[in-house]
């Protein structure tokens, strides 16, 4: 899943922050 998670940093139209924060754990 690593590259998929990293690719979320390129999303411009929908903010993926709420998806990424839990992945910090």
PDBML (XML) file of the C-alpha atoms, coordinates in Angstrom:
<?xml version="1.0" encoding="UTF-8" ?>
<PDBx:datablock datablockName="MODEL"
   xmlns:PDBx="http://pdbml.pdb.org/schema/pdbx-v50.xsd"
   xmlns:xsi="http://www.w3.org/2001/XMLSchema-instance"
   xsi:schemaLocation="http://pdbml.pdb.org/schema/pdbx-v50.xsd pdbx-v50.xsd">
   <PDBx:atom_siteCategory>
      <PDBx:atom_site id="1">
         <PDBx:B_iso_or_equiv>0.00</PDBx:B_iso_or_equiv>
         <PDBx:Cartn_x>0.000</PDBx:Cartn_x>
         <PDBx:Cartn_y>0.000</PDBx:Cartn_y>
         <PDBx:Cartn_z>0.000</PDBx:Cartn_z>
         <PDBx:auth_asym_id>A</PDBx:auth_asym_id>
         <PDBx:auth_atom_id>CA</PDBx:auth_atom_id>
         <PDBx:auth_comp_id>UNK</PDBx:auth_comp_id>
         <PDBx:auth_seq_id>1</PDBx:auth_seq_id>
         <PDBx:group_PDB>ATOM</PDBx:group_PDB>
         <PDBx:label_alt_id xsi:nil="true" />
         <PDBx:label_asym_id>A</PDBx:label_asym_id>
         <PDBx:label_atom_id>CA</PDBx:label_atom_id>
         <PDBx:label_comp_id>UNK</PDBx:label_comp_id>
         <PDBx:label_entity_id>1</PDBx:label_entity_id>
         <PDBx:label_seq_id>1</PDBx:label_seq_id>
         <PDBx:occupancy>1.00</PDBx:occupancy>
         <PDBx:pdbx_PDB_model_num>1</PDBx:pdbx_PDB_model_num>
         <PDBx:type_symbol>C</PDBx:type_symbol>
      </PDBx:atom_site>
      <PDBx:atom_site id="2">
         <PDBx:B_iso_or_equiv>0.00</PDBx:B_iso_or_equiv>
         <PDBx:Cartn_x>2.982</PDBx:Cartn_x>
         <PDBx:Cartn_y>2.352</PDBx:Cartn_y>
         <PDBx:Cartn_z>0.345</PDBx:Cartn_z>
         <PDBx:auth_asym_id>A</PDBx:auth_asym_id>
         <PDBx:auth_atom_id>CA</PDBx:auth_atom_id>
         <PDBx:auth_comp_id>UNK</PDBx:auth_comp_id>
         <PDBx:auth_seq_id>2</PDBx:auth_seq_id>
         <PDBx:group_PDB>ATOM</PDBx:group_PDB>
         <PDBx:label_alt_id xsi:nil="true" />
         <PDBx:label_asym_id>A</PDBx:label_asym_id>
         <PDBx:label_atom_id>CA</PDBx:label_atom_id>
         <PDBx:label_comp_id>UNK</PDBx:label_comp_id>
         <PDBx:label_entity_id>1</PDBx:label_entity_id>
         <PDBx:label_seq_id>2</PDBx:label_seq_id>
         <PDBx:occupancy>1.00</PDBx:occupancy>
         <PDBx:pdbx_PDB_model_num>1</PDBx:pdbx_PDB_model_num>
         <PDBx:type_symbol>C</PDBx:type_symbol>
      </PDBx:atom_site>
      <PDBx:atom_site id="3">
         <PDBx:B_iso_or_equiv>0.00</PDBx:B_iso_or_equiv>
         <PDBx:Cartn_x>2.915</PDBx:Cartn_x>
         <PDBx:Cartn_y>3.873</PDBx:Cartn_y>
         <PDBx:Cartn_z>-3.138</PDBx:Cartn_z>
         <PDBx:auth_asym_id>A</PDBx:auth_asym_id>
         <PDBx:auth_atom_id>CA</PDBx:auth_atom_id>
         <PDBx:auth_comp_id>UNK</PDBx:auth_comp_id>
         <PDBx:auth_seq_id>3</PDBx:auth_seq_id>
         <PDBx:group_PDB>ATOM</PDBx:group_PDB>
         <PDBx:label_alt_id xsi:nil="true" />
         <PDBx:label_asym_id>A</PDBx:label_asym_id>
         <PDBx:label_atom_id>CA</PDBx:label_atom_id>
         <PDBx:label_comp_id>UNK</PDBx:label_comp_id>
         <PDBx:label_entity_id>1</PDBx:label_entity_id>
         <PDBx:label_seq_id>3</PDBx:label_seq_id>
         <PDBx:occupancy>1.00</PDBx:occupancy>
         <PDBx:pdbx_PDB_model_num>1</PDBx:pdbx_PDB_model_num>
         <PDBx:type_symbol>C</PDBx:type_symbol>
      </PDBx:atom_site>
      <PDBx:atom_site id="4">
         <PDBx:B_iso_or_equiv>0.00</PDBx:B_iso_or_equiv>
         <PDBx:Cartn_x>-0.871</PDBx:Cartn_x>
         <PDBx:Cartn_y>4.258</PDBx:Cartn_y>
         <PDBx:Cartn_z>-3.046</PDBx:Cartn_z>
         <PDBx:auth_asym_id>A</PDBx:auth_asym_id>
         <PDBx:auth_atom_id>CA</PDBx:auth_atom_id>
         <PDBx:auth_comp_id>UNK</PDBx:auth_comp_id>
         <PDBx:auth_seq_id>4</PDBx:auth_seq_id>
         <PDBx:group_PDB>ATOM</PDBx:group_PDB>
         <PDBx:label_alt_id xsi:nil="true" />
         <PDBx:label_asym_id>A</PDBx:label_asym_id>
         <PDBx:label_atom_id>CA</PDBx:label_atom_id>
         <PDBx:label_comp_id>UNK</PDBx:label_comp_id>
         <PDBx:label_entity_id>1</PDBx:label_entity_id>
         <PDBx:label_seq_id>4</PDBx:label_seq_id>
         <PDBx:occupancy>1.00</PDBx:occupancy>
         <PDBx:pdbx_PDB_model_num>1</PDBx:pdbx_PDB_model_num>
         <PDBx:type_symbol>C</PDBx:type_symbol>
      </PDBx:atom_site>
      <PDBx:atom_site id="5">
         <PDBx:B_iso_or_equiv>0.00</PDBx:B_iso_or_equiv>
         <PDBx:Cartn_x>-0.586</PDBx:Cartn_x>
         <PDBx:Cartn_y>6.151</PDBx:Cartn_y>
         <PDBx:Cartn_z>0.235</PDBx:Cartn_z>
         <PDBx:auth_asym_id>A</PDBx:auth_asym_id>
         <PDBx:auth_atom_id>CA</PDBx:auth_atom_id>
         <PDBx:auth_comp_id>UNK</PDBx:auth_comp_id>
         <PDBx:auth_seq_id>5</PDBx:auth_seq_id>
         <PDBx:group_PDB>ATOM</PDBx:group_PDB>
         <PDBx:label_alt_id xsi:nil="true" />
         <PDBx:label_asym_id>A</PDBx:label_asym_id>
         <PDBx:label_atom_id>CA</PDBx:label_atom_id>
         <PDBx:label_comp_id>UNK</PDBx:label_comp_id>
         <PDBx:label_entity_id>1</PDBx:label_entity_id>
         <PDBx:label_seq_id>5</PDBx:label_seq_id>
         <PDBx:occupancy>1.00</PDBx:occupancy>
         <PDBx:pdbx_PDB_model_num>1</PDBx:pdbx_PDB_model_num>
         <PDBx:type_symbol>C</PDBx:type_symbol>
      </PDBx:atom_site>
      <PDBx:atom_site id="6">
         <PDBx:B_iso_or_equiv>0.00</PDBx:B_iso_or_equiv>
         <PDBx:Cartn_x>2.184</PDBx:Cartn_x>
         <PDBx:Cartn_y>8.340</PDBx:Cartn_y>
         <PDBx:Cartn_z>-1.171</PDBx:Cartn_z>
         <PDBx:auth_asym_id>A</PDBx:auth_asym_id>
         <PDBx:auth_atom_id>CA</PDBx:auth_atom_id>
         <PDBx:auth_comp_id>UNK</PDBx:auth_comp_id>
         <PDBx:auth_seq_id>6</PDBx:auth_seq_id>
         <PDBx:group_PDB>ATOM</PDBx:group_PDB>
         <PDBx:label_alt_id xsi:nil="true" />
         <PDBx:label_asym_id>A</PDBx:label_asym_id>
         <PDBx:label_atom_id>CA</PDBx:label_atom_id>
         <PDBx:label_comp_id>UNK</PDBx:label_comp_id>
         <PDBx:label_entity_id>1</PDBx:label_entity_id>
         <PDBx:label_seq_id>6</PDBx:label_seq_id>
         <PDBx:occupancy>1.00</PDBx:occupancy>
         <PDBx:pdbx_PDB_model_num>1</PDBx:pdbx_PDB_model_num>
         <PDBx:type_symbol>C</PDBx:type_symbol>
      </PDBx:atom_site>
      <PDBx:atom_site id="7">
         <PDBx:B_iso_or_equiv>0.00</PDBx:B_iso_or_equiv>
         <PDBx:Cartn_x>0.114</PDBx:Cartn_x>
         <PDBx:Cartn_y>9.063</PDBx:Cartn_y>
         <PDBx:Cartn_z>-4.292</PDBx:Cartn_z>
         <PDBx:auth_asym_id>A</PDBx:auth_asym_id>
         <PDBx:auth_atom_id>CA</PDBx:auth_atom_id>
         <PDBx:auth_comp_id>UNK</PDBx:auth_comp_id>
         <PDBx:auth_seq_id>7</PDBx:auth_seq_id>
         <PDBx:group_PDB>ATOM</PDBx:group_PDB>
         <PDBx:label_alt_id xsi:nil="true" />
         <PDBx:label_asym_id>A</PDBx:label_asym_id>
         <PDBx:label_atom_id>CA</PDBx:label_atom_id>
         <PDBx:label_comp_id>UNK</PDBx:label_comp_id>
         <PDBx:label_entity_id>1</PDBx:label_entity_id>
         <PDBx:label_seq_id>7</PDBx:label_seq_id>
         <PDBx:occupancy>1.00</PDBx:occupancy>
         <PDBx:pdbx_PDB_model_num>1</PDBx:pdbx_PDB_model_num>
         <PDBx:type_symbol>C</PDBx:type_symbol>
      </PDBx:atom_site>
      <PDBx:atom_site id="8">
         <PDBx:B_iso_or_equiv>0.00</PDBx:B_iso_or_equiv>
         <PDBx:Cartn_x>-2.622</PDBx:Cartn_x>
         <PDBx:Cartn_y>10.533</PDBx:Cartn_y>
         <PDBx:Cartn_z>-2.092</PDBx:Cartn_z>
         <PDBx:auth_asym_id>A</PDBx:auth_asym_id>
         <PDBx:auth_atom_id>CA</PDBx:auth_atom_id>
         <PDBx:auth_comp_id>UNK</PDBx:auth_comp_id>
         <PDBx:auth_seq_id>8</PDBx:auth_seq_id>
         <PDBx:group_PDB>ATOM</PDBx:group_PDB>
         <PDBx:label_alt_id xsi:nil="true" />
         <PDBx:label_asym_id>A</PDBx:label_asym_id>
         <PDBx:label_atom_id>CA</PDBx:label_atom_id>
         <PDBx:label_comp_id>UNK</PDBx:label_comp_id>
         <PDBx:label_entity_id>1</PDBx:label_entity_id>
         <PDBx:label_seq_id>8</PDBx:label_seq_id>
         <PDBx:occupancy>1.00</PDBx:occupancy>
         <PDBx:pdbx_PDB_model_num>1</PDBx:pdbx_PDB_model_num>
         <PDBx:type_symbol>C</PDBx:type_symbol>
      </PDBx:atom_site>
      <PDBx:atom_site id="9">
         <PDBx:B_iso_or_equiv>0.00</PDBx:B_iso_or_equiv>
         <PDBx:Cartn_x>-0.264</PDBx:Cartn_x>
         <PDBx:Cartn_y>13.486</PDBx:Cartn_y>
         <PDBx:Cartn_z>-1.643</PDBx:Cartn_z>
         <PDBx:auth_asym_id>A</PDBx:auth_asym_id>
         <PDBx:auth_atom_id>CA</PDBx:auth_atom_id>
         <PDBx:auth_comp_id>UNK</PDBx:auth_comp_id>
         <PDBx:auth_seq_id>9</PDBx:auth_seq_id>
         <PDBx:group_PDB>ATOM</PDBx:group_PDB>
         <PDBx:label_alt_id xsi:nil="true" />
         <PDBx:label_asym_id>A</PDBx:label_asym_id>
         <PDBx:label_atom_id>CA</PDBx:label_atom_id>
         <PDBx:label_comp_id>UNK</PDBx:label_comp_id>
         <PDBx:label_entity_id>1</PDBx:label_entity_id>
         <PDBx:label_seq_id>9</PDBx:label_seq_id>
         <PDBx:occupancy>1.00</PDBx:occupancy>
         <PDBx:pdbx_PDB_model_num>1</PDBx:pdbx_PDB_model_num>
         <PDBx:type_symbol>C</PDBx:type_symbol>
      </PDBx:atom_site>
      <PDBx:atom_site id="10">
         <PDBx:B_iso_or_equiv>0.00</PDBx:B_iso_or_equiv>
         <PDBx:Cartn_x>-0.910</PDBx:Cartn_x>
         <PDBx:Cartn_y>14.364</PDBx:Cartn_y>
         <PDBx:Cartn_z>-5.296</PDBx:Cartn_z>
         <PDBx:auth_asym_id>A</PDBx:auth_asym_id>
         <PDBx:auth_atom_id>CA</PDBx:auth_atom_id>
         <PDBx:auth_comp_id>UNK</PDBx:auth_comp_id>
         <PDBx:auth_seq_id>10</PDBx:auth_seq_id>
         <PDBx:group_PDB>ATOM</PDBx:group_PDB>
         <PDBx:label_alt_id xsi:nil="true" />
         <PDBx:label_asym_id>A</PDBx:label_asym_id>
         <PDBx:label_atom_id>CA</PDBx:label_atom_id>
         <PDBx:label_comp_id>UNK</PDBx:label_comp_id>
         <PDBx:label_entity_id>1</PDBx:label_entity_id>
         <PDBx:label_seq_id>10</PDBx:label_seq_id>
         <PDBx:occupancy>1.00</PDBx:occupancy>
         <PDBx:pdbx_PDB_model_num>1</PDBx:pdbx_PDB_model_num>
         <PDBx:type_symbol>C</PDBx:type_symbol>
      </PDBx:atom_site>
      <PDBx:atom_site id="11">
         <PDBx:B_iso_or_equiv>0.00</PDBx:B_iso_or_equiv>
         <PDBx:Cartn_x>-4.691</PDBx:Cartn_x>
         <PDBx:Cartn_y>14.620</PDBx:Cartn_y>
         <PDBx:Cartn_z>-4.930</PDBx:Cartn_z>
         <PDBx:auth_asym_id>A</PDBx:auth_asym_id>
         <PDBx:auth_atom_id>CA</PDBx:auth_atom_id>
         <PDBx:auth_comp_id>UNK</PDBx:auth_comp_id>
         <PDBx:auth_seq_id>11</PDBx:auth_seq_id>
         <PDBx:group_PDB>ATOM</PDBx:group_PDB>
         <PDBx:label_alt_id xsi:nil="true" />
         <PDBx:label_asym_id>A</PDBx:label_asym_id>
         <PDBx:label_atom_id>CA</PDBx:label_atom_id>
         <PDBx:label_comp_id>UNK</PDBx:label_comp_id>
         <PDBx:label_entity_id>1</PDBx:label_entity_id>
         <PDBx:label_seq_id>11</PDBx:label_seq_id>
         <PDBx:occupancy>1.00</PDBx:occupancy>
         <PDBx:pdbx_PDB_model_num>1</PDBx:pdbx_PDB_model_num>
         <PDBx:type_symbol>C</PDBx:type_symbol>
      </PDBx:atom_site>
      <PDBx:atom_site id="12">
         <PDBx:B_iso_or_equiv>0.00</PDBx:B_iso_or_equiv>
         <PDBx:Cartn_x>-5.840</PDBx:Cartn_x>
         <PDBx:Cartn_y>18.146</PDBx:Cartn_y>
         <PDBx:Cartn_z>-5.723</PDBx:Cartn_z>
         <PDBx:auth_asym_id>A</PDBx:auth_asym_id>
         <PDBx:auth_atom_id>CA</PDBx:auth_atom_id>
         <PDBx:auth_comp_id>UNK</PDBx:auth_comp_id>
         <PDBx:auth_seq_id>12</PDBx:auth_seq_id>
         <PDBx:group_PDB>ATOM</PDBx:group_PDB>
         <PDBx:label_alt_id xsi:nil="true" />
         <PDBx:label_asym_id>A</PDBx:label_asym_id>
         <PDBx:label_atom_id>CA</PDBx:label_atom_id>
         <PDBx:label_comp_id>UNK</PDBx:label_comp_id>
         <PDBx:label_entity_id>1</PDBx:label_entity_id>
         <PDBx:label_seq_id>12</PDBx:label_seq_id>
         <PDBx:occupancy>1.00</PDBx:occupancy>
         <PDBx:pdbx_PDB_model_num>1</PDBx:pdbx_PDB_model_num>
         <PDBx:type_symbol>C</PDBx:type_symbol>
      </PDBx:atom_site>
      <PDBx:atom_site id="13">
         <PDBx:B_iso_or_equiv>0.00</PDBx:B_iso_or_equiv>
         <PDBx:Cartn_x>-9.641</PDBx:Cartn_x>
         <PDBx:Cartn_y>18.031</PDBx:Cartn_y>
         <PDBx:Cartn_z>-5.812</PDBx:Cartn_z>
         <PDBx:auth_asym_id>A</PDBx:auth_asym_id>
         <PDBx:auth_atom_id>CA</PDBx:auth_atom_id>
         <PDBx:auth_comp_id>UNK</PDBx:auth_comp_id>
         <PDBx:auth_seq_id>13</PDBx:auth_seq_id>
         <PDBx:group_PDB>ATOM</PDBx:group_PDB>
         <PDBx:label_alt_id xsi:nil="true" />
         <PDBx:label_asym_id>A</PDBx:label_asym_id>
         <PDBx:label_atom_id>CA</PDBx:label_atom_id>
         <PDBx:label_comp_id>UNK</PDBx:label_comp_id>
         <PDBx:label_entity_id>1</PDBx:label_entity_id>
         <PDBx:label_seq_id>13</PDBx:label_seq_id>
         <PDBx:occupancy>1.00</PDBx:occupancy>
         <PDBx:pdbx_PDB_model_num>1</PDBx:pdbx_PDB_model_num>
         <PDBx:type_symbol>C</PDBx:type_symbol>
      </PDBx:atom_site>
      <PDBx:atom_site id="14">
         <PDBx:B_iso_or_equiv>0.00</PDBx:B_iso_or_equiv>
         <PDBx:Cartn_x>-10.563</PDBx:Cartn_x>
         <PDBx:Cartn_y>15.977</PDBx:Cartn_y>
         <PDBx:Cartn_z>-2.748</PDBx:Cartn_z>
         <PDBx:auth_asym_id>A</PDBx:auth_asym_id>
         <PDBx:auth_atom_id>CA</PDBx:auth_atom_id>
         <PDBx:auth_comp_id>UNK</PDBx:auth_comp_id>
         <PDBx:auth_seq_id>14</PDBx:auth_seq_id>
         <PDBx:group_PDB>ATOM</PDBx:group_PDB>
         <PDBx:label_alt_id xsi:nil="true" />
         <PDBx:label_asym_id>A</PDBx:label_asym_id>
         <PDBx:label_atom_id>CA</PDBx:label_atom_id>
         <PDBx:label_comp_id>UNK</PDBx:label_comp_id>
         <PDBx:label_entity_id>1</PDBx:label_entity_id>
         <PDBx:label_seq_id>14</PDBx:label_seq_id>
         <PDBx:occupancy>1.00</PDBx:occupancy>
         <PDBx:pdbx_PDB_model_num>1</PDBx:pdbx_PDB_model_num>
         <PDBx:type_symbol>C</PDBx:type_symbol>
      </PDBx:atom_site>
      <PDBx:atom_site id="15">
         <PDBx:B_iso_or_equiv>0.00</PDBx:B_iso_or_equiv>
         <PDBx:Cartn_x>-8.616</PDBx:Cartn_x>
         <PDBx:Cartn_y>16.496</PDBx:Cartn_y>
         <PDBx:Cartn_z>0.441</PDBx:Cartn_z>
         <PDBx:auth_asym_id>A</PDBx:auth_asym_id>
         <PDBx:auth_atom_id>CA</PDBx:auth_atom_id>
         <PDBx:auth_comp_id>UNK</PDBx:auth_comp_id>
         <PDBx:auth_seq_id>15</PDBx:auth_seq_id>
         <PDBx:group_PDB>ATOM</PDBx:group_PDB>
         <PDBx:label_alt_id xsi:nil="true" />
         <PDBx:label_asym_id>A</PDBx:label_asym_id>
         <PDBx:label_atom_id>CA</PDBx:label_atom_id>
         <PDBx:label_comp_id>UNK</PDBx:label_comp_id>
         <PDBx:label_entity_id>1</PDBx:label_entity_id>
         <PDBx:label_seq_id>15</PDBx:label_seq_id>
         <PDBx:occupancy>1.00</PDBx:occupancy>
         <PDBx:pdbx_PDB_model_num>1</PDBx:pdbx_PDB_model_num>
         <PDBx:type_symbol>C</PDBx:type_symbol>
      </PDBx:atom_site>
      <PDBx:atom_site id="16">
         <PDBx:B_iso_or_equiv>0.00</PDBx:B_iso_or_equiv>
         <PDBx:Cartn_x>-7.246</PDBx:Cartn_x>
         <PDBx:Cartn_y>13.101</PDBx:Cartn_y>
         <PDBx:Cartn_z>1.573</PDBx:Cartn_z>
         <PDBx:auth_asym_id>A</PDBx:auth_asym_id>
         <PDBx:auth_atom_id>CA</PDBx:auth_atom_id>
         <PDBx:auth_comp_id>UNK</PDBx:auth_comp_id>
         <PDBx:auth_seq_id>16</PDBx:auth_seq_id>
         <PDBx:group_PDB>ATOM</PDBx:group_PDB>
         <PDBx:label_alt_id xsi:nil="true" />
         <PDBx:label_asym_id>A</PDBx:label_asym_id>
         <PDBx:label_atom_id>CA</PDBx:label_atom_id>
         <PDBx:label_comp_id>UNK</PDBx:label_comp_id>
         <PDBx:label_entity_id>1</PDBx:label_entity_id>
         <PDBx:label_seq_id>16</PDBx:label_seq_id>
         <PDBx:occupancy>1.00</PDBx:occupancy>
         <PDBx:pdbx_PDB_model_num>1</PDBx:pdbx_PDB_model_num>
         <PDBx:type_symbol>C</PDBx:type_symbol>
      </PDBx:atom_site>
      <PDBx:atom_site id="17">
         <PDBx:B_iso_or_equiv>0.00</PDBx:B_iso_or_equiv>
         <PDBx:Cartn_x>-5.972</PDBx:Cartn_x>
         <PDBx:Cartn_y>14.459</PDBx:Cartn_y>
         <PDBx:Cartn_z>4.918</PDBx:Cartn_z>
         <PDBx:auth_asym_id>A</PDBx:auth_asym_id>
         <PDBx:auth_atom_id>CA</PDBx:auth_atom_id>
         <PDBx:auth_comp_id>UNK</PDBx:auth_comp_id>
         <PDBx:auth_seq_id>17</PDBx:auth_seq_id>
         <PDBx:group_PDB>ATOM</PDBx:group_PDB>
         <PDBx:label_alt_id xsi:nil="true" />
         <PDBx:label_asym_id>A</PDBx:label_asym_id>
         <PDBx:label_atom_id>CA</PDBx:label_atom_id>
         <PDBx:label_comp_id>UNK</PDBx:label_comp_id>
         <PDBx:label_entity_id>1</PDBx:label_entity_id>
         <PDBx:label_seq_id>17</PDBx:label_seq_id>
         <PDBx:occupancy>1.00</PDBx:occupancy>
         <PDBx:pdbx_PDB_model_num>1</PDBx:pdbx_PDB_model_num>
         <PDBx:type_symbol>C</PDBx:type_symbol>
      </PDBx:atom_site>
      <PDBx:atom_site id="18">
         <PDBx:B_iso_or_equiv>0.00</PDBx:B_iso_or_equiv>
         <PDBx:Cartn_x>-8.634</PDBx:Cartn_x>
         <PDBx:Cartn_y>12.593</PDBx:Cartn_y>
         <PDBx:Cartn_z>6.915</PDBx:Cartn_z>
         <PDBx:auth_asym_id>A</PDBx:auth_asym_id>
         <PDBx:auth_atom_id>CA</PDBx:auth_atom_id>
         <PDBx:auth_comp_id>UNK</PDBx:auth_comp_id>
         <PDBx:auth_seq_id>18</PDBx:auth_seq_id>
         <PDBx:group_PDB>ATOM</PDBx:group_PDB>
         <PDBx:label_alt_id xsi:nil="true" />
         <PDBx:label_asym_id>A</PDBx:label_asym_id>
         <PDBx:label_atom_id>CA</PDBx:label_atom_id>
         <PDBx:label_comp_id>UNK</PDBx:label_comp_id>
         <PDBx:label_entity_id>1</PDBx:label_entity_id>
         <PDBx:label_seq_id>18</PDBx:label_seq_id>
         <PDBx:occupancy>1.00</PDBx:occupancy>
         <PDBx:pdbx_PDB_model_num>1</PDBx:pdbx_PDB_model_num>
         <PDBx:type_symbol>C</PDBx:type_symbol>
      </PDBx:atom_site>
      <PDBx:atom_site id="19">
         <PDBx:B_iso_or_equiv>0.00</PDBx:B_iso_or_equiv>
         <PDBx:Cartn_x>-7.614</PDBx:Cartn_x>
         <PDBx:Cartn_y>9.348</PDBx:Cartn_y>
         <PDBx:Cartn_z>5.212</PDBx:Cartn_z>
         <PDBx:auth_asym_id>A</PDBx:auth_asym_id>
         <PDBx:auth_atom_id>CA</PDBx:auth_atom_id>
         <PDBx:auth_comp_id>UNK</PDBx:auth_comp_id>
         <PDBx:auth_seq_id>19</PDBx:auth_seq_id>
         <PDBx:group_PDB>ATOM</PDBx:group_PDB>
         <PDBx:label_alt_id xsi:nil="true" />
         <PDBx:label_asym_id>A</PDBx:label_asym_id>
         <PDBx:label_atom_id>CA</PDBx:label_atom_id>
         <PDBx:label_comp_id>UNK</PDBx:label_comp_id>
         <PDBx:label_entity_id>1</PDBx:label_entity_id>
         <PDBx:label_seq_id>19</PDBx:label_seq_id>
         <PDBx:occupancy>1.00</PDBx:occupancy>
         <PDBx:pdbx_PDB_model_num>1</PDBx:pdbx_PDB_model_num>
         <PDBx:type_symbol>C</PDBx:type_symbol>
      </PDBx:atom_site>
      <PDBx:atom_site id="20">
         <PDBx:B_iso_or_equiv>0.00</PDBx:B_iso_or_equiv>
         <PDBx:Cartn_x>-3.891</PDBx:Cartn_x>
         <PDBx:Cartn_y>9.921</PDBx:Cartn_y>
         <PDBx:Cartn_z>5.755</PDBx:Cartn_z>
         <PDBx:auth_asym_id>A</PDBx:auth_asym_id>
         <PDBx:auth_atom_id>CA</PDBx:auth_atom_id>
         <PDBx:auth_comp_id>UNK</PDBx:auth_comp_id>
         <PDBx:auth_seq_id>20</PDBx:auth_seq_id>
         <PDBx:group_PDB>ATOM</PDBx:group_PDB>
         <PDBx:label_alt_id xsi:nil="true" />
         <PDBx:label_asym_id>A</PDBx:label_asym_id>
         <PDBx:label_atom_id>CA</PDBx:label_atom_id>
         <PDBx:label_comp_id>UNK</PDBx:label_comp_id>
         <PDBx:label_entity_id>1</PDBx:label_entity_id>
         <PDBx:label_seq_id>20</PDBx:label_seq_id>
         <PDBx:occupancy>1.00</PDBx:occupancy>
         <PDBx:pdbx_PDB_model_num>1</PDBx:pdbx_PDB_model_num>
         <PDBx:type_symbol>C</PDBx:type_symbol>
      </PDBx:atom_site>
      <PDBx:atom_site id="21">
         <PDBx:B_iso_or_equiv>0.00</PDBx:B_iso_or_equiv>
         <PDBx:Cartn_x>-3.879</PDBx:Cartn_x>
         <PDBx:Cartn_y>10.939</PDBx:Cartn_y>
         <PDBx:Cartn_z>9.430</PDBx:Cartn_z>
         <PDBx:auth_asym_id>A</PDBx:auth_asym_id>
         <PDBx:auth_atom_id>CA</PDBx:auth_atom_id>
         <PDBx:auth_comp_id>UNK</PDBx:auth_comp_id>
         <PDBx:auth_seq_id>21</PDBx:auth_seq_id>
         <PDBx:group_PDB>ATOM</PDBx:group_PDB>
         <PDBx:label_alt_id xsi:nil="true" />
         <PDBx:label_asym_id>A</PDBx:label_asym_id>
         <PDBx:label_atom_id>CA</PDBx:label_atom_id>
         <PDBx:label_comp_id>UNK</PDBx:label_comp_id>
         <PDBx:label_entity_id>1</PDBx:label_entity_id>
         <PDBx:label_seq_id>21</PDBx:label_seq_id>
         <PDBx:occupancy>1.00</PDBx:occupancy>
         <PDBx:pdbx_PDB_model_num>1</PDBx:pdbx_PDB_model_num>
         <PDBx:type_symbol>C</PDBx:type_symbol>
      </PDBx:atom_site>
      <PDBx:atom_site id="22">
         <PDBx:B_iso_or_equiv>0.00</PDBx:B_iso_or_equiv>
         <PDBx:Cartn_x>-4.953</PDBx:Cartn_x>
         <PDBx:Cartn_y>7.492</PDBx:Cartn_y>
         <PDBx:Cartn_z>10.749</PDBx:Cartn_z>
         <PDBx:auth_asym_id>A</PDBx:auth_asym_id>
         <PDBx:auth_atom_id>CA</PDBx:auth_atom_id>
         <PDBx:auth_comp_id>UNK</PDBx:auth_comp_id>
         <PDBx:auth_seq_id>22</PDBx:auth_seq_id>
         <PDBx:group_PDB>ATOM</PDBx:group_PDB>
         <PDBx:label_alt_id xsi:nil="true" />
         <PDBx:label_asym_id>A</PDBx:label_asym_id>
         <PDBx:label_atom_id>CA</PDBx:label_atom_id>
         <PDBx:label_comp_id>UNK</PDBx:label_comp_id>
         <PDBx:label_entity_id>1</PDBx:label_entity_id>
         <PDBx:label_seq_id>22</PDBx:label_seq_id>
         <PDBx:occupancy>1.00</PDBx:occupancy>
         <PDBx:pdbx_PDB_model_num>1</PDBx:pdbx_PDB_model_num>
         <PDBx:type_symbol>C</PDBx:type_symbol>
      </PDBx:atom_site>
      <PDBx:atom_site id="23">
         <PDBx:B_iso_or_equiv>0.00</PDBx:B_iso_or_equiv>
         <PDBx:Cartn_x>-2.283</PDBx:Cartn_x>
         <PDBx:Cartn_y>5.899</PDBx:Cartn_y>
         <PDBx:Cartn_z>8.553</PDBx:Cartn_z>
         <PDBx:auth_asym_id>A</PDBx:auth_asym_id>
         <PDBx:auth_atom_id>CA</PDBx:auth_atom_id>
         <PDBx:auth_comp_id>UNK</PDBx:auth_comp_id>
         <PDBx:auth_seq_id>23</PDBx:auth_seq_id>
         <PDBx:group_PDB>ATOM</PDBx:group_PDB>
         <PDBx:label_alt_id xsi:nil="true" />
         <PDBx:label_asym_id>A</PDBx:label_asym_id>
         <PDBx:label_atom_id>CA</PDBx:label_atom_id>
         <PDBx:label_comp_id>UNK</PDBx:label_comp_id>
         <PDBx:label_entity_id>1</PDBx:label_entity_id>
         <PDBx:label_seq_id>23</PDBx:label_seq_id>
         <PDBx:occupancy>1.00</PDBx:occupancy>
         <PDBx:pdbx_PDB_model_num>1</PDBx:pdbx_PDB_model_num>
         <PDBx:type_symbol>C</PDBx:type_symbol>
      </PDBx:atom_site>
      <PDBx:atom_site id="24">
         <PDBx:B_iso_or_equiv>0.00</PDBx:B_iso_or_equiv>
         <PDBx:Cartn_x>0.372</PDBx:Cartn_x>
         <PDBx:Cartn_y>7.645</PDBx:Cartn_y>
         <PDBx:Cartn_z>10.664</PDBx:Cartn_z>
         <PDBx:auth_asym_id>A</PDBx:auth_asym_id>
         <PDBx:auth_atom_id>CA</PDBx:auth_atom_id>
         <PDBx:auth_comp_id>UNK</PDBx:auth_comp_id>
         <PDBx:auth_seq_id>24</PDBx:auth_seq_id>
         <PDBx:group_PDB>ATOM</PDBx:group_PDB>
         <PDBx:label_alt_id xsi:nil="true" />
         <PDBx:label_asym_id>A</PDBx:label_asym_id>
         <PDBx:label_atom_id>CA</PDBx:label_atom_id>
         <PDBx:label_comp_id>UNK</PDBx:label_comp_id>
         <PDBx:label_entity_id>1</PDBx:label_entity_id>
         <PDBx:label_seq_id>24</PDBx:label_seq_id>
         <PDBx:occupancy>1.00</PDBx:occupancy>
         <PDBx:pdbx_PDB_model_num>1</PDBx:pdbx_PDB_model_num>
         <PDBx:type_symbol>C</PDBx:type_symbol>
      </PDBx:atom_site>
      <PDBx:atom_site id="25">
         <PDBx:B_iso_or_equiv>0.00</PDBx:B_iso_or_equiv>
         <PDBx:Cartn_x>-0.184</PDBx:Cartn_x>
         <PDBx:Cartn_y>4.819</PDBx:Cartn_y>
         <PDBx:Cartn_z>13.164</PDBx:Cartn_z>
         <PDBx:auth_asym_id>A</PDBx:auth_asym_id>
         <PDBx:auth_atom_id>CA</PDBx:auth_atom_id>
         <PDBx:auth_comp_id>UNK</PDBx:auth_comp_id>
         <PDBx:auth_seq_id>25</PDBx:auth_seq_id>
         <PDBx:group_PDB>ATOM</PDBx:group_PDB>
         <PDBx:label_alt_id xsi:nil="true" />
         <PDBx:label_asym_id>A</PDBx:label_asym_id>
         <PDBx:label_atom_id>CA</PDBx:label_atom_id>
         <PDBx:label_comp_id>UNK</PDBx:label_comp_id>
         <PDBx:label_entity_id>1</PDBx:label_entity_id>
         <PDBx:label_seq_id>25</PDBx:label_seq_id>
         <PDBx:occupancy>1.00</PDBx:occupancy>
         <PDBx:pdbx_PDB_model_num>1</PDBx:pdbx_PDB_model_num>
         <PDBx:type_symbol>C</PDBx:type_symbol>
      </PDBx:atom_site>
   </PDBx:atom_siteCategory>
</PDBx:datablock>
